[in-house]
């Protein structure tokens, strides 16, 4: 079975340190941009400012051997299997972010708040279900 993923873009953010980055966009995450590979610019042509999207990322700094974590890195909490957490450390470190677009300019998407680190590969973008065009 072929499981090849392609990066369609990259996150550009002021966040560079995994240890100090917010865990969720609701925890004072800064605005960020997604710079799409020009080969995928056509795929984003119908995205609009104000639209909420699901942004799928690849947590490139994740520990892929990790199977249990202390939630939110809080050692007072019991070790929990990663499939029951939102930890970026997991066998397939796919990030899922519900975000709002504030601007779309060619192959650059501006997002109101994103907790992903600078350089994080973007692997897909999907609109929320209530905004999906037919097809």
Protein backbone atom coordinates (compact mmCIF):
# COMPACT_ATOMS: atom_id res chain seq x y z
CA UNK A 1 0.00 0.00 0.00
CA UNK A 2 1.45 3.37 -1.01
CA UNK A 3 1.24 5.88 1.84
CA UNK A 4 3.21 8.70 0.27
CA UNK A 5 2.28 12.20 1.43
CA UNK A 6 3.16 15.40 -0.39
CA UNK A 7 3.70 18.71 1.32
CA UNK A 8 1.39 21.19 -0.38
CA UNK A 9 2.83 24.11 1.54
CA UNK A 10 4.65 25.25 4.64
CA UNK A 11 3.69 27.22 7.76
CA UNK A 12 5.45 30.54 8.33
CA UNK A 13 5.17 31.66 11.95
CA UNK A 14 7.02 33.44 14.72
CA UNK A 15 6.81 30.19 16.71
CA UNK A 16 10.07 28.28 16.57
CA UNK A 17 10.33 26.42 19.90
CA UNK A 18 8.22 23.30 20.44
CA UNK A 19 8.57 23.55 24.22
CA UNK A 20 7.11 27.05 24.50
CA UNK A 21 4.58 27.02 21.66
CA UNK A 22 0.89 27.17 22.61
CA UNK A 23 -0.87 23.79 22.59
CA UNK A 24 -4.01 25.14 20.87
CA UNK A 25 -4.82 28.13 18.68
CA UNK A 26 -7.10 29.37 21.49
CA UNK A 27 -4.11 29.78 23.83
CA UNK A 28 -2.80 33.06 22.40
CA UNK A 29 -1.43 31.49 19.24
CA UNK A 30 -0.14 34.14 16.84
CA UNK A 31 -1.31 34.76 13.29
CA UNK A 32 0.57 32.74 10.70
CA UNK A 33 0.73 32.20 6.98
CA UNK A 34 0.67 29.10 4.86
CA UNK A 35 2.78 29.43 1.74
CA UNK A 36 1.49 26.93 -0.76
CA UNK A 37 3.77 25.31 -3.28
CA UNK A 38 2.95 27.15 -6.53
CA UNK A 39 2.04 23.77 -8.04
CA UNK A 40 -0.99 23.71 -5.70
CA UNK A 41 -2.10 27.35 -5.97
CA UNK A 42 -4.97 26.39 -8.28
CA UNK A 43 -6.32 24.06 -5.57
CA UNK A 44 -6.76 27.09 -3.26
CA UNK A 45 -8.41 29.39 -5.80
CA UNK A 46 -11.85 29.23 -4.15
CA UNK A 47 -10.74 29.80 -0.56
CA UNK A 48 -11.97 33.13 0.84
CA UNK A 49 -11.14 35.39 3.78
CA UNK A 50 -13.40 34.68 6.75
CA UNK A 51 -13.73 31.02 5.82
CA UNK A 52 -13.01 28.37 8.43
CA UNK A 53 -10.87 25.52 7.23
CA UNK A 54 -9.27 22.38 8.55
CA UNK A 55 -5.53 22.60 8.10
CA UNK A 56 -3.66 19.28 8.19
CA UNK A 57 0.02 19.48 9.05
CA UNK A 58 2.90 17.06 9.56
CA UNK A 59 4.53 17.58 12.95
CA UNK A 60 8.05 17.25 11.61
CA UNK A 61 9.67 17.58 15.06
CA UNK A 62 7.50 14.88 16.65
CA UNK A 63 8.76 11.75 18.36
CA UNK A 64 7.22 9.02 16.17
CA UNK A 65 8.18 6.26 18.62
CA UNK A 66 6.04 7.79 21.37
CA UNK A 67 2.95 5.83 22.41
CA UNK A 68 2.11 7.40 25.79
CA UNK A 69 2.44 10.93 27.16
CA UNK A 70 1.59 12.98 30.19
CA UNK A 71 -1.23 15.14 28.73
CA UNK A 72 -0.09 18.72 28.12
CA UNK A 73 3.38 17.64 29.36
CA UNK A 74 2.03 17.84 32.90
CA UNK A 75 3.82 15.12 34.89
CA UNK A 76 1.13 15.26 37.59
CA UNK A 77 -1.24 13.71 35.04
CA UNK A 78 -1.00 9.96 34.38
CA UNK A 79 0.66 8.56 31.28
CA UNK A 80 -2.02 8.32 28.60
CA UNK A 81 -1.95 6.56 25.23
CA UNK A 82 -1.35 9.11 22.48
CA UNK A 83 -4.51 8.09 20.61
CA UNK A 84 -6.42 9.55 23.57
CA UNK A 85 -4.55 12.86 23.45
CA UNK A 86 -3.81 15.75 21.08
CA UNK A 87 -0.05 15.28 21.52
CA UNK A 88 2.08 15.97 18.44
CA UNK A 89 4.27 13.02 19.46
CA UNK A 90 2.65 9.94 17.88
CA UNK A 91 3.35 7.25 15.27
CA UNK A 92 1.91 9.35 12.42
CA UNK A 93 2.26 12.96 13.57
CA UNK A 94 -0.61 14.52 11.65
CA UNK A 95 -1.78 17.85 13.03
CA UNK A 96 -5.38 18.99 12.67
CA UNK A 97 -6.12 22.69 13.10
CA UNK A 98 -9.50 24.39 12.75
CA UNK A 99 -8.57 27.91 11.69
CA UNK A 100 -10.03 31.01 10.06
CA UNK A 101 -8.56 32.55 6.93
CA UNK A 102 -8.03 36.30 7.19
CA UNK A 103 -6.51 36.79 3.75
CA UNK A 104 -5.87 34.87 0.56
CA UNK A 105 -3.33 36.28 -1.89
CA UNK A 106 -2.30 33.89 -4.62
CA UNK A 107 -0.49 31.02 -2.95
CA UNK A 108 -0.29 32.71 0.49
CA UNK A 109 -3.01 32.06 3.06
CA UNK A 110 -3.10 34.16 6.22
CA UNK A 111 -4.56 32.54 9.31
CA UNK A 112 -5.86 34.33 12.39
CA UNK A 113 -4.21 32.03 14.98
CA UNK A 114 -2.12 28.90 14.55
CA UNK A 115 -0.03 26.95 17.07
CA UNK A 116 2.15 25.19 14.47
CA UNK A 117 5.86 25.94 14.35
CA UNK A 118 7.60 27.80 11.56
CA UNK A 119 8.55 25.34 8.83
CA UNK A 120 5.77 22.84 9.62
CA UNK A 121 4.76 21.08 6.39
CA UNK A 122 1.11 21.44 5.35
CA UNK A 123 -0.28 18.20 3.91
CA UNK A 124 -3.90 19.16 3.17
CA UNK A 125 -6.60 21.79 3.53
CA UNK A 126 -10.33 21.13 3.75
CA UNK A 127 -13.28 23.44 4.30
CA UNK A 128 -15.58 22.78 7.21
CA UNK A 129 -18.53 20.62 6.20
CA UNK A 130 -21.02 23.49 6.12
CA UNK A 131 -18.88 25.36 3.59
CA UNK A 132 -18.14 22.48 1.18
CA UNK A 133 -19.31 23.06 -2.39
CA UNK A 134 -21.03 20.13 -4.04
CA UNK A 135 -18.63 17.61 -5.52
